[in-house]
Amino acid sequence: MARPDLHERIQDQRKLRQAQGRIRTRRTISRRDGVRLEVDGQWLTGFCSNDYLGLSQQFEVVAALQDAASREGVGSSASHLVCGHHTLHAQLEQEMADWLGYPRALLFDSGYAANLAVQQALLGEDGDVCVQDRLNHASLLDATRLAGCRLRRYPHLDSEGAMRQLKHTPEGAAMLATDGVFSMDGDIAPLRSLALVARLQQALFYVDDAHGVGVVGNGGRGCVADAGLGVNEVPLQLATLGKALGGHGAVVLGEENLIGHLAETARPYIYTTALPPAQIAASLAAVKLARRDHWRRDKLTELIAVFRDGARRHGLELMPSETPIQPLLCGDEATVMALSMALEQSGFLVSAIRPPTVPEGKARLRVTLSALHGTDQVKALVDAIAKARDLVLYQQSLNTVSA
């Protein structure tokens, strides 16, 4: 029997994506100036970045990177366990651990690598299982598959569903994993009830708080601290350096023995070049600013209220989010793409999110807010969304009549 032709398979899959309206294209950014982006010669106001605190271009952060690069160069030259672990790496790990209230932290090149490392190092023997929220980030789901253990999923935010899944698992080791803030919905996991489920079912509770650390809770310490939980209830959590902190990389925080085990056995840690010291210096400066500058979170709270109030007045379909992630449901792919294009023509860059990133029929505009946005910019965006919606609905009605 002949093997499938991979080139033919690729062409068939691309034709299917085209028919479904799911071709993805990259936008090349020529220049950035705060929340303003130059795209194809046009300056747009961006509402799709994860730079929630506005730290990616902040003067002190950029200066820290430049200063460290002048002294240390542009790369670490090796993995952490060879000769790539710099004093700056150790300082950032300690700063993150102090901030979030954990005994120890471990740096990774990305949140994706960190999630793979956690599950690969802790799970994978016969009977092991990872129980996850159905809307968890792809990196958590992929990590379970790559770790070789069984994946069980429960309905979104349903702690009773998590309990049922854990009750009906084999006698292997178990992990309960959830996002803190869900990146496409903007809502927050019920961490207190999930922590109780994990304790009752003897499962290790792991929280990926990539979109929560920096913006959620007192001092921006994230969803775990905001829920009144700590290392005893959540032995491992993840924080990224590339979202609210404006840089690149991720940190896993946890109990001393768990972090030590990751450092000694996790393949994505052992076999990866350490992040450049200059990048770490920038992240260290960003963490200190995030801890100090409470006005950034206060500004976000104000902008979220402005956006939601305006959206309600225009009858826009909001999702229940109190975070800087403010999705507006649009339904099908054609509608959300038309809205995104209309907004671009009005001077706004807002991402259209389509399946398979979100469930079928749940395509959306994923609006994200930054402390660098002004109130007038947010109000103008809401007005532009409402006008774009009316225009798209009118065009769709004309198409229906002509058909």
Protein backbone atom coordinates (compact mmCIF):
# COMPACT_ATOMS: atom_id res chain seq x y z
CA MET A 1 0.00 0.00 0.00
CA ALA A 2 1.41 3.38 -1.02
CA ARG A 3 2.18 5.93 1.68
CA PRO A 4 0.16 9.17 1.73
CA ASP A 5 1.79 12.00 -0.18
CA LEU A 6 2.55 14.71 2.37
CA HIS A 7 2.49 17.46 -0.24
CA GLU A 8 -1.00 16.44 -1.32
CA ARG A 9 -2.12 16.28 2.30
CA ILE A 10 -0.81 19.79 2.93
CA GLN A 11 -2.61 21.13 -0.13
CA ASP A 12 -5.87 19.44 0.87
CA GLN A 13 -5.65 20.83 4.40
CA ARG A 14 -4.93 24.32 3.12
CA LYS A 15 -7.90 24.19 0.74
CA LEU A 16 -10.09 23.18 3.67
CA ARG A 17 -8.81 26.09 5.78
CA GLN A 18 -9.49 28.45 2.89
CA ALA A 19 -13.05 27.16 2.55
CA GLN A 20 -13.58 27.62 6.29
CA GLY A 21 -12.10 31.14 6.32
CA ARG A 22 -9.28 30.05 8.62
CA ILE A 23 -6.15 31.04 6.72
CA ARG A 24 -3.82 32.84 9.11
CA THR A 25 -1.54 35.63 7.97
CA ARG A 26 1.23 37.46 9.78
CA ARG A 27 1.17 41.22 10.11
CA THR A 28 4.59 42.83 9.95
CA ILE A 29 5.06 45.69 12.41
CA SER A 30 7.50 48.29 11.11
CA ARG A 31 7.61 50.50 14.19
CA ARG A 32 6.06 50.72 17.64
CA ASP A 33 5.37 53.80 19.71
CA GLY A 34 3.51 52.88 22.88
CA VAL A 35 0.15 51.44 21.78
CA ARG A 36 0.62 52.81 18.24
CA LEU A 37 1.86 50.39 15.56
CA GLU A 38 2.94 51.00 11.99
CA VAL A 39 1.53 48.26 9.73
CA ASP A 40 1.99 48.40 5.95
CA GLY A 41 2.71 52.11 6.14
CA GLN A 42 -0.40 52.87 8.24
CA TRP A 43 -0.30 53.85 11.90
CA LEU A 44 -2.89 51.94 13.94
CA THR A 45 -3.88 52.00 17.59
CA GLY A 46 -3.30 48.47 18.83
CA PHE A 47 -5.79 46.68 21.05
CA CYS A 48 -4.38 43.17 20.71
CA SER A 49 -1.12 43.18 22.69
CA ASN A 50 -0.54 41.34 25.98
CA ASP A 51 1.61 44.25 27.24
CA TYR A 52 -1.02 44.98 29.90
CA LEU A 53 1.15 47.18 32.13
CA GLY A 54 2.89 48.97 29.27
CA LEU A 55 6.35 47.83 30.33
CA SER A 56 7.77 46.47 27.06
CA GLN A 57 9.05 49.92 25.98
CA GLN A 58 9.35 51.53 29.41
CA PHE A 59 12.56 53.57 29.71
CA GLU A 60 13.99 51.85 32.80
CA VAL A 61 13.33 48.39 31.32
CA VAL A 62 14.96 49.22 27.98
CA ALA A 63 17.89 50.90 29.74
CA ALA A 64 18.45 47.80 31.87
CA LEU A 65 18.59 45.63 28.74
CA GLN A 66 21.00 47.98 26.97
CA ASP A 67 23.28 48.30 29.97
CA ALA A 68 23.44 44.55 30.54
CA ALA A 69 24.02 43.87 26.83
CA SER A 70 26.96 46.26 26.82
CA ARG A 71 28.53 44.28 29.68
CA GLU A 72 27.37 40.70 29.09
CA GLY A 73 26.78 40.49 25.34
CA VAL A 74 23.70 39.26 23.52
CA GLY A 75 23.52 35.60 24.56
CA SER A 76 24.02 33.30 27.52
CA SER A 77 26.12 30.88 25.40
CA ALA A 78 24.93 27.65 27.08
CA SER A 79 22.22 25.90 29.04
CA HIS A 80 21.73 26.67 32.72
CA LEU A 81 23.41 23.43 33.80
CA VAL A 82 26.53 23.99 31.69
CA CYS A 83 27.72 27.59 32.00
CA GLY A 84 24.68 29.64 30.99
CA HIS A 85 23.31 30.41 34.46
CA HIS A 86 24.20 34.03 35.24
CA THR A 87 23.90 36.04 38.45
CA LEU A 88 21.05 37.93 36.79
CA HIS A 89 19.14 34.66 36.29
CA ALA A 90 19.50 33.88 39.98
CA GLN A 91 18.42 37.40 40.95
CA LEU A 92 15.28 37.25 38.81
CA GLU A 93 14.32 33.82 40.16
CA GLN A 94 14.66 35.14 43.70
CA GLU A 95 12.73 38.35 42.90
CA MET A 96 9.83 36.37 41.41
CA ALA A 97 9.78 33.95 44.34
CA ASP A 98 9.74 36.81 46.85
CA TRP A 99 6.99 38.65 44.96
CA LEU A 100 4.66 35.69 44.59
CA GLY A 101 5.40 34.09 47.94
CA TYR A 102 7.04 30.84 46.86
CA PRO A 103 10.19 29.15 48.18
CA ARG A 104 11.87 28.84 44.79
CA ALA A 105 11.52 29.72 41.10
CA LEU A 106 12.98 28.32 37.89
CA LEU A 107 13.39 30.22 34.60
CA PHE A 108 12.33 28.86 31.20
CA ASP A 109 12.59 30.17 27.66
CA SER A 110 8.80 30.30 27.24
CA GLY A 111 5.54 29.41 28.94
CA TYR A 112 5.09 26.65 26.37
CA ALA A 113 8.42 25.08 27.33
CA ALA A 114 7.66 25.51 31.03
CA ASN A 115 4.32 23.71 30.79
CA LEU A 116 5.95 20.87 28.88
CA ALA A 117 8.73 20.70 31.47
CA VAL A 118 6.34 20.44 34.42
CA GLN A 119 4.33 17.57 32.99
CA GLN A 120 7.21 15.75 31.36
CA ALA A 121 9.17 15.75 34.61
CA LEU A 122 6.29 14.80 36.91
CA LEU A 123 3.99 12.59 34.83
CA GLY A 124 4.32 9.91 32.16
CA GLU A 125 4.37 6.59 33.99
CA ASP A 126 1.60 4.03 33.42
CA GLY A 127 -1.70 5.23 34.84
CA ASP A 128 -0.68 8.87 35.31
CA VAL A 129 -3.34 11.43 34.43
CA CYS A 130 -3.65 15.18 34.01
CA VAL A 131 -7.15 16.62 34.47
CA GLN A 132 -7.65 19.99 32.79
CA ASP A 133 -10.23 22.69 32.11
CA ARG A 134 -11.59 22.27 28.59
CA LEU A 135 -10.50 25.82 27.68
CA ASN A 136 -6.94 25.58 29.00
CA HIS A 137 -4.18 27.02 26.84
CA ALA A 138 -2.89 24.78 24.06
CA SER A 139 0.51 24.49 25.76
CA LEU A 140 -1.04 22.73 28.77
CA LEU A 141 -2.98 20.32 26.58
CA ASP A 142 0.00 19.60 24.32
CA ALA A 143 2.22 19.06 27.35
CA THR A 144 -0.03 16.25 28.59
CA ARG A 145 0.06 14.50 25.24
CA LEU A 146 3.83 14.92 24.91
CA ALA A 147 4.38 13.71 28.47
CA GLY A 148 2.68 10.46 27.52
CA CYS A 149 0.04 10.47 30.25
CA ARG A 150 -3.73 10.38 30.02
CA LEU A 151 -5.61 13.64 29.43
CA ARG A 152 -9.02 14.15 31.00
CA ARG A 153 -10.95 17.40 30.47
CA TYR A 154 -13.79 18.91 32.45
CA PRO A 155 -16.31 21.61 31.44
CA HIS A 156 -15.05 25.18 31.67
CA LEU A 157 -14.82 26.46 35.28
CA ASP A 158 -16.62 23.33 36.57
CA SER A 159 -14.88 22.18 39.76
CA GLU A 160 -17.46 19.43 40.25
CA GLY A 161 -16.57 18.21 36.76
CA ALA A 162 -12.92 18.18 37.77
CA MET A 163 -13.84 16.09 40.82
CA ARG A 164 -15.69 13.57 38.66
CA GLN A 165 -12.78 13.22 36.27
CA LEU A 166 -10.28 12.68 39.08
CA LYS A 167 -12.52 10.13 40.77
CA HIS A 168 -12.63 7.99 37.64
CA THR A 169 -8.92 7.85 36.92
CA PRO A 170 -6.47 4.95 37.31
CA GLU A 171 -4.29 4.58 40.36
CA GLY A 172 -1.39 6.52 38.92
CA ALA A 173 -0.15 9.98 39.84
CA ALA A 174 -2.61 12.80 39.15
CA MET A 175 -2.27 16.49 38.32
CA LEU A 176 -5.07 19.05 38.19
CA ALA A 177 -4.06 21.88 35.85
CA THR A 178 -5.83 25.10 34.97
CA ASP A 179 -5.22 28.53 33.55
CA GLY A 180 -5.57 31.32 36.09
CA VAL A 181 -6.96 33.86 33.62
CA PHE A 182 -8.22 32.23 30.42
CA SER A 183 -6.52 33.93 27.50
CA MET A 184 -9.44 33.90 25.04
CA ASP A 185 -12.31 34.49 27.50
CA GLY A 186 -10.69 36.73 30.11
CA ASP A 187 -12.44 34.98 33.00
CA ILE A 188 -10.76 33.52 36.09
CA ALA A 189 -10.68 29.91 37.28
CA PRO A 190 -12.42 29.01 40.59
CA LEU A 191 -9.09 28.32 42.26
CA ARG A 192 -10.33 27.84 45.82
CA SER A 193 -12.79 25.10 44.89
CA LEU A 194 -10.29 23.49 42.52
CA ALA A 195 -7.66 23.49 45.26
CA LEU A 196 -10.10 21.62 47.51
CA VAL A 197 -10.77 19.09 44.74
CA ALA A 198 -7.04 18.53 44.27
CA ARG A 199 -6.53 17.99 48.00
CA LEU A 200 -9.44 15.56 48.31
CA GLN A 201 -8.30 13.57 45.28
CA GLN A 202 -4.57 13.68 46.15
CA ALA A 203 -3.70 15.46 42.91
CA LEU A 204 -0.96 18.03 42.47
CA PHE A 205 -2.58 21.39 41.67
CA TYR A 206 -0.81 23.41 38.96
CA VAL A 207 -1.94 26.90 37.87
CA ASP A 208 -0.73 28.56 34.68
CA ASP A 209 -1.22 32.23 35.63
CA ALA A 210 0.36 33.68 32.49
CA HIS A 211 -2.33 36.35 32.08
CA GLY A 212 -2.92 36.99 35.78
CA VAL A 213 0.47 37.79 37.31
CA GLY A 214 1.05 41.53 37.15
CA VAL A 215 -2.58 42.55 36.76
CA VAL A 216 -4.81 40.50 39.10
CA GLY A 217 -5.09 41.01 42.84
CA ASN A 218 -3.35 43.12 45.44
CA GLY A 219 0.06 44.19 44.16
CA GLY A 220 -0.49 42.26 40.93
CA ARG A 221 0.49 39.00 42.61
CA GLY A 222 -1.91 37.04 40.43
CA CYS A 223 -4.89 34.76 40.73
CA VAL A 224 -3.42 32.35 43.27
CA ALA A 225 -2.63 35.04 45.82
CA ASP A 226 -5.91 36.84 45.04
CA ALA A 227 -7.78 33.63 45.93
CA GLY A 228 -6.01 33.53 49.30
CA LEU A 229 -3.96 30.50 48.29
CA GLY A 230 -0.25 29.78 48.46
CA VAL A 231 2.32 27.05 48.02
CA ASN A 232 0.49 24.65 50.35
CA GLU A 233 -2.63 24.66 48.17
CA VAL A 234 -0.94 25.33 44.81
CA PRO A 235 2.45 23.59 44.92
CA LEU A 236 3.35 24.79 41.41
CA GLN A 237 2.38 27.83 39.38
CA LEU A 238 3.61 29.48 36.21
CA ALA A 239 4.15 33.17 35.53
CA THR A 240 5.27 34.51 32.17
CA LEU A 241 7.69 37.36 31.59
CA GLY A 242 6.27 38.20 28.15
CA LYS A 243 2.80 39.51 28.95
CA ALA A 244 2.18 41.98 31.80
CA LEU A 245 5.94 42.15 32.37
CA GLY A 246 6.62 43.04 28.74
CA GLY A 247 9.64 40.81 28.11
CA HIS A 248 10.22 37.18 27.21
CA GLY A 249 10.37 33.86 29.01
CA ALA A 250 8.57 32.25 31.92
CA VAL A 251 9.06 31.20 35.52
CA VAL A 252 7.75 28.14 37.35
CA LEU A 253 7.40 28.69 41.09
CA GLY A 254 6.92 26.00 43.67
CA GLU A 255 8.05 23.87 46.57
CA GLU A 256 11.79 23.45 46.93
CA ASN A 257 11.79 19.73 46.13
CA LEU A 258 9.53 20.11 43.09
CA ILE A 259 11.61 22.91 41.58
CA GLY A 260 14.78 20.98 42.31
CA HIS A 261 13.33 17.96 40.51
CA LEU A 262 12.44 20.09 37.48
CA ALA A 263 15.94 21.57 37.34
CA GLU A 264 17.47 18.09 37.40
CA THR A 265 15.11 16.19 35.08
CA ALA A 266 12.98 18.46 32.87
CA ARG A 267 14.22 18.12 29.30
CA PRO A 268 13.02 21.60 28.18
CA TYR A 269 15.23 23.01 30.95
CA ILE A 270 18.28 20.78 30.61
CA TYR A 271 18.58 20.92 26.83
CA THR A 272 17.81 24.58 26.14
CA THR A 273 20.14 27.56 25.98
CA ALA A 274 19.43 29.92 28.88
CA LEU A 275 17.78 33.24 28.15
CA PRO A 276 20.22 36.09 27.43
CA PRO A 277 21.36 37.89 30.61
CA ALA A 278 20.43 41.24 29.02
CA GLN A 279 16.84 40.04 28.56
CA ILE A 280 16.81 38.90 32.18
CA ALA A 281 18.05 42.31 33.33
CA ALA A 282 15.11 43.88 31.50
CA SER A 283 12.65 41.47 33.13
CA LEU A 284 14.17 42.14 36.55
CA ALA A 285 13.60 45.88 36.05
CA ALA A 286 10.04 45.18 34.85
CA VAL A 287 9.21 43.08 37.92
CA LYS A 288 10.38 45.85 40.22
CA LEU A 289 8.24 48.37 38.36
CA ALA A 290 5.23 46.05 38.42
CA ARG A 291 5.58 45.70 42.17
CA ARG A 292 6.04 49.44 42.69
CA ASP A 293 3.77 51.16 40.16
CA HIS A 294 0.28 50.44 41.46
CA TRP A 295 -1.08 53.20 39.20
CA ARG A 296 -0.69 50.89 36.21
CA ARG A 297 -3.25 48.43 37.61
CA ASP A 298 -5.48 51.30 38.76
CA LYS A 299 -5.42 52.66 35.21
CA LEU A 300 -6.34 49.27 33.80
CA THR A 301 -9.28 48.99 36.18
CA GLU A 302 -10.51 52.40 34.99
CA LEU A 303 -10.13 51.49 31.30
CA ILE A 304 -11.89 48.15 31.73
CA ALA A 305 -14.88 49.96 33.24
CA VAL A 306 -14.90 52.54 30.42
CA PHE A 307 -14.81 49.81 27.78
CA ARG A 308 -17.52 47.68 29.35
CA ASP A 309 -19.83 50.62 30.04
CA GLY A 310 -19.49 51.83 26.46
CA ALA A 311 -19.98 48.36 25.01
CA ARG A 312 -23.15 47.85 27.03
CA ARG A 313 -24.56 51.17 25.83
CA HIS A 314 -24.03 50.07 22.23
CA GLY A 315 -25.52 46.62 22.84
CA LEU A 316 -22.28 44.77 22.13
CA GLU A 317 -22.14 41.14 23.30
CA LEU A 318 -19.54 41.10 26.06
CA MET A 319 -18.16 38.07 27.86
CA PRO A 320 -17.96 38.10 31.68
CA SER A 321 -14.41 39.37 32.14
CA GLU A 322 -12.96 41.77 34.69
CA THR A 323 -9.44 41.47 33.28
CA PRO A 324 -7.67 43.41 30.49
CA ILE A 325 -8.85 40.67 28.09
CA GLN A 326 -12.26 41.83 26.82
CA PRO A 327 -13.62 39.50 24.10
CA LEU A 328 -16.68 40.38 22.01
CA LEU A 329 -18.48 37.38 20.56
CA CYS A 330 -19.19 37.60 16.83
CA GLY A 331 -20.26 34.05 15.97
CA ASP A 332 -18.90 32.96 12.60
CA GLU A 333 -15.54 33.48 10.98
CA ALA A 334 -16.79 35.68 8.15
CA THR A 335 -18.37 38.16 10.55
CA VAL A 336 -15.37 38.49 12.84
CA MET A 337 -12.99 38.93 9.90
CA ALA A 338 -15.21 41.62 8.40
CA LEU A 339 -15.33 43.43 11.74
CA SER A 340 -11.56 43.25 12.18
CA MET A 341 -11.00 44.63 8.68
CA ALA A 342 -13.51 47.45 9.23
CA LEU A 343 -11.77 48.40 12.46
CA GLU A 344 -8.42 48.50 10.70
CA GLN A 345 -9.85 50.90 8.15
CA SER A 346 -10.91 53.06 11.12
CA GLY A 347 -7.37 53.03 12.53
CA PHE A 348 -7.55 50.18 15.08
CA LEU A 349 -5.72 46.85 15.15
CA VAL A 350 -7.87 44.22 16.90
CA SER A 351 -7.30 40.50 16.44
CA ALA A 352 -9.99 38.24 15.04
CA ILE A 353 -9.91 34.94 16.93
CA ARG A 354 -11.34 31.94 15.10
CA PRO A 355 -11.63 28.16 15.58
CA PRO A 356 -9.74 26.04 16.42
CA THR A 357 -8.31 28.57 18.90
CA VAL A 358 -11.88 29.03 20.20
CA PRO A 359 -14.88 26.66 19.93
CA GLU A 360 -17.00 26.44 16.79
CA GLY A 361 -19.47 29.30 16.55
CA LYS A 362 -17.53 31.34 19.14
CA ALA A 363 -15.34 33.51 16.89
CA ARG A 364 -14.59 36.81 18.57
CA LEU A 365 -12.74 40.08 18.61
CA ARG A 366 -10.17 39.76 21.37
CA VAL A 367 -9.76 43.29 22.70
CA THR A 368 -6.88 43.73 25.12
CA LEU A 369 -6.25 46.85 27.15
CA SER A 370 -2.98 48.39 28.33
CA ALA A 371 -2.15 50.94 30.99
CA LEU A 372 -0.75 52.99 28.10
CA HIS A 373 -4.16 53.41 26.47
CA GLY A 374 -6.01 56.65 27.06
CA THR A 375 -9.67 56.90 28.00
CA ASP A 376 -10.43 58.69 24.74
CA GLN A 377 -8.77 55.89 22.75
CA VAL A 378 -10.92 53.28 24.47
CA LYS A 379 -14.10 55.27 23.88
CA ALA A 380 -13.16 55.74 20.23
CA LEU A 381 -12.60 52.00 19.88
CA VAL A 382 -16.04 51.19 21.29
CA ASP A 383 -17.67 53.64 18.89
CA ALA A 384 -15.73 52.14 15.99
CA ILE A 385 -16.77 48.59 16.93
CA ALA A 386 -20.41 49.63 17.07
CA LYS A 387 -20.18 51.32 13.66
CA ALA A 388 -18.38 48.32 12.18
CA ARG A 389 -21.06 45.98 13.56
CA ASP A 390 -23.85 48.06 12.03
CA LEU A 391 -22.03 48.17 8.68
CA VAL A 392 -21.39 44.42 8.62
CA LEU A 393 -24.99 43.63 9.58
CA TYR A 394 -26.25 45.93 6.82
CA GLN A 395 -23.97 44.28 4.23
CA GLN A 396 -25.06 40.83 5.38
CA SER A 397 -28.73 41.82 5.04
CA LEU A 398 -28.09 43.03 1.48
CA ASN A 399 -26.38 39.77 0.63
CA THR A 400 -29.33 37.82 2.07
CA VAL A 401 -31.83 39.80 -0.02
CA SER A 402 -29.78 39.43 -3.21
CA ALA A 403 -29.44 35.69 -2.63
